[in-house]
C-alpha atoms as a PDB file:
ATOM      1  CA  UNK A   1     -52.903  -5.774   6.403  1.00  0.00           C
ATOM      2  CA  UNK A   2     -52.357  -4.158   3.082  1.00  0.00           C
ATOM      3  CA  UNK A   3     -51.968  -7.249   0.898  1.00  0.00           C
ATOM      4  CA  UNK A   4     -53.275 -10.766   1.193  1.00  0.00           C
ATOM      5  CA  UNK A   5     -53.768 -13.689  -1.106  1.00  0.00           C
ATOM      6  CA  UNK A   6     -56.545 -16.225  -0.973  1.00  0.00           C
ATOM      7  CA  UNK A   7     -56.233 -19.779  -2.181  1.00  0.00           C
ATOM      8  CA  UNK A   8     -57.467 -20.204  -5.770  1.00  0.00           C
ATOM      9  CA  UNK A   9     -60.650 -22.198  -4.895  1.00  0.00           C
ATOM     10  CA  UNK A  10     -61.861 -19.445  -2.542  1.00  0.00           C
ATOM     11  CA  UNK A  11     -60.900 -16.695  -4.964  1.00  0.00           C
ATOM     12  CA  UNK A  12     -62.658 -18.465  -7.841  1.00  0.00           C
ATOM     13  CA  UNK A  13     -65.799 -19.120  -5.801  1.00  0.00           C
ATOM     14  CA  UNK A  14     -65.988 -15.488  -4.682  1.00  0.00           C
ATOM     15  CA  UNK A  15     -65.417 -14.254  -8.226  1.00  0.00           C
ATOM     16  CA  UNK A  16     -68.172 -16.537  -9.516  1.00  0.00           C
ATOM     17  CA  UNK A  17     -70.577 -15.458  -6.761  1.00  0.00           C
ATOM     18  CA  UNK A  18     -69.944 -11.779  -7.552  1.00  0.00           C
ATOM     19  CA  UNK A  19     -71.188 -12.401 -11.085  1.00  0.00           C
ATOM     20  CA  UNK A  20     -74.559 -13.688  -9.831  1.00  0.00           C
ATOM     21  CA  UNK A  21     -77.115 -11.020 -10.685  1.00  0.00           C
ATOM     22  CA  UNK A  22     -78.890  -9.742  -7.572  1.00  0.00           C
ATOM     23  CA  UNK A  23     -76.460 -11.327  -5.097  1.00  0.00           C
ATOM     24  CA  UNK A  24     -74.885  -8.774  -2.766  1.00  0.00           C
ATOM     25  CA  UNK A  25     -72.306  -9.195  -0.004  1.00  0.00           C
ATOM     26  CA  UNK A  26     -71.074  -6.700   2.546  1.00  0.00           C
ATOM     27  CA  UNK A  27     -68.754  -7.062   5.519  1.00  0.00           C
ATOM     28  CA  UNK A  28     -68.231  -4.841   8.519  1.00  0.00           C
ATOM     29  CA  UNK A  29     -65.039  -5.590  10.447  1.00  0.00           C
ATOM     30  CA  UNK A  30     -65.404  -5.080  14.188  1.00  0.00           C
ATOM     31  CA  UNK A  31     -61.802  -5.636  15.241  1.00  0.00           C
ATOM     32  CA  UNK A  32     -58.493  -7.059  14.047  1.00  0.00           C
ATOM     33  CA  UNK A  33     -55.351  -8.184  15.824  1.00  0.00           C
ATOM     34  CA  UNK A  34     -51.817  -8.958  14.637  1.00  0.00           C
ATOM     35  CA  UNK A  35     -49.506 -11.247  16.604  1.00  0.00           C
ATOM     36  CA  UNK A  36     -46.497  -9.732  18.364  1.00  0.00           C
ATOM     37  CA  UNK A  37     -44.256 -11.506  15.842  1.00  0.00           C
ATOM     38  CA  UNK A  38     -46.230  -9.935  12.974  1.00  0.00           C
ATOM     39  CA  UNK A  39     -46.708 -13.290  11.235  1.00  0.00           C
ATOM     40  CA  UNK A  40     -50.343 -14.078  12.072  1.00  0.00           C
ATOM     41  CA  UNK A  41     -53.514 -12.000  12.303  1.00  0.00           C
ATOM     42  CA  UNK A  42     -57.253 -12.292  12.580  1.00  0.00           C
ATOM     43  CA  UNK A  43     -60.230 -10.074  11.884  1.00  0.00           C
ATOM     44  CA  UNK A  44     -63.817 -10.578  12.977  1.00  0.00           C
ATOM     45  CA  UNK A  45     -67.045  -8.822  12.257  1.00  0.00           C
ATOM     46  CA  UNK A  46     -70.536  -8.961  10.825  1.00  0.00           C
ATOM     47  CA  UNK A  47     -71.716  -9.591   7.293  1.00  0.00           C
ATOM     48  CA  UNK A  48     -74.853  -9.177   5.231  1.00  0.00           C
ATOM     49  CA  UNK A  49     -75.935 -11.278   2.257  1.00  0.00           C
ATOM     50  CA  UNK A  50     -78.799 -10.320  -0.043  1.00  0.00           C
ATOM     51  CA  UNK A  51     -79.914 -13.161  -2.300  1.00  0.00           C
ATOM     52  CA  UNK A  52     -81.327 -12.688  -5.812  1.00  0.00           C
ATOM     53  CA  UNK A  53     -84.842 -13.284  -4.382  1.00  0.00           C
ATOM     54  CA  UNK A  54     -84.290 -10.268  -2.034  1.00  0.00           C
ATOM     55  CA  UNK A  55     -83.922 -12.496   1.045  1.00  0.00           C
ATOM     56  CA  UNK A  56     -81.462 -10.858   3.440  1.00  0.00           C
ATOM     57  CA  UNK A  57     -79.417 -12.760   5.990  1.00  0.00           C
ATOM     58  CA  UNK A  58     -76.893 -11.598   8.533  1.00  0.00           C
ATOM     59  CA  UNK A  59     -73.813 -13.438   9.703  1.00  0.00           C
ATOM     60  CA  UNK A  60     -70.761 -13.098  11.859  1.00  0.00           C
ATOM     61  CA  UNK A  61     -67.302 -14.092  10.675  1.00  0.00           C
ATOM     62  CA  UNK A  62     -63.697 -14.554  11.681  1.00  0.00           C
ATOM     63  CA  UNK A  63     -60.831 -14.735   9.203  1.00  0.00           C
ATOM     64  CA  UNK A  64     -57.296 -15.852  10.068  1.00  0.00           C
ATOM     65  CA  UNK A  65     -54.261 -14.822   8.042  1.00  0.00           C
ATOM     66  CA  UNK A  66     -50.577 -15.771   8.077  1.00  0.00           C
ATOM     67  CA  UNK A  67     -47.822 -13.639   6.617  1.00  0.00           C
ATOM     68  CA  UNK A  68     -45.854 -15.192   3.764  1.00  0.00           C
ATOM     69  CA  UNK A  69     -43.048 -12.823   2.853  1.00  0.00           C
ATOM     70  CA  UNK A  70     -44.637  -9.427   2.191  1.00  0.00           C
ATOM     71  CA  UNK A  71     -48.194 -10.763   1.682  1.00  0.00           C
ATOM     72  CA  UNK A  72     -50.970 -11.975   3.938  1.00  0.00           C
ATOM     73  CA  UNK A  73     -52.489 -15.361   3.103  1.00  0.00           C
ATOM     74  CA  UNK A  74     -55.980 -16.282   4.269  1.00  0.00           C
ATOM     75  CA  UNK A  75     -55.764 -19.663   5.966  1.00  0.00           C
ATOM     76  CA  UNK A  76     -59.212 -19.932   7.518  1.00  0.00           C
ATOM     77  CA  UNK A  77     -62.548 -18.188   7.316  1.00  0.00           C
ATOM     78  CA  UNK A  78     -65.554 -19.186   9.394  1.00  0.00           C
ATOM     79  CA  UNK A  79     -69.013 -17.685   9.082  1.00  0.00           C
ATOM     80  CA  UNK A  80     -72.339 -18.492  10.672  1.00  0.00           C
ATOM     81  CA  UNK A  81     -75.792 -16.993  10.695  1.00  0.00           C
ATOM     82  CA  UNK A  82     -76.938 -14.488  13.288  1.00  0.00           C
ATOM     83  CA  UNK A  83     -80.321 -15.316  14.698  1.00  0.00           C
END
């Protein structure tokens, strides 16, 4: 999936979070699949969040995309804590 677009509220929230001093995100995809028709895909994996107070939490995630023309659009992302 070379290109995707996220809805403005998600994009804005992520951009704002990235500006928070001391807040760090990282994601590690485990696997991804594209439908036979090539119009839908999902990726799942693990994530790590380090808060400004140095608290670290781990999560797992799944993100679903649909193809709109030549771009992938995120339609759903679910995350929950590990442990």
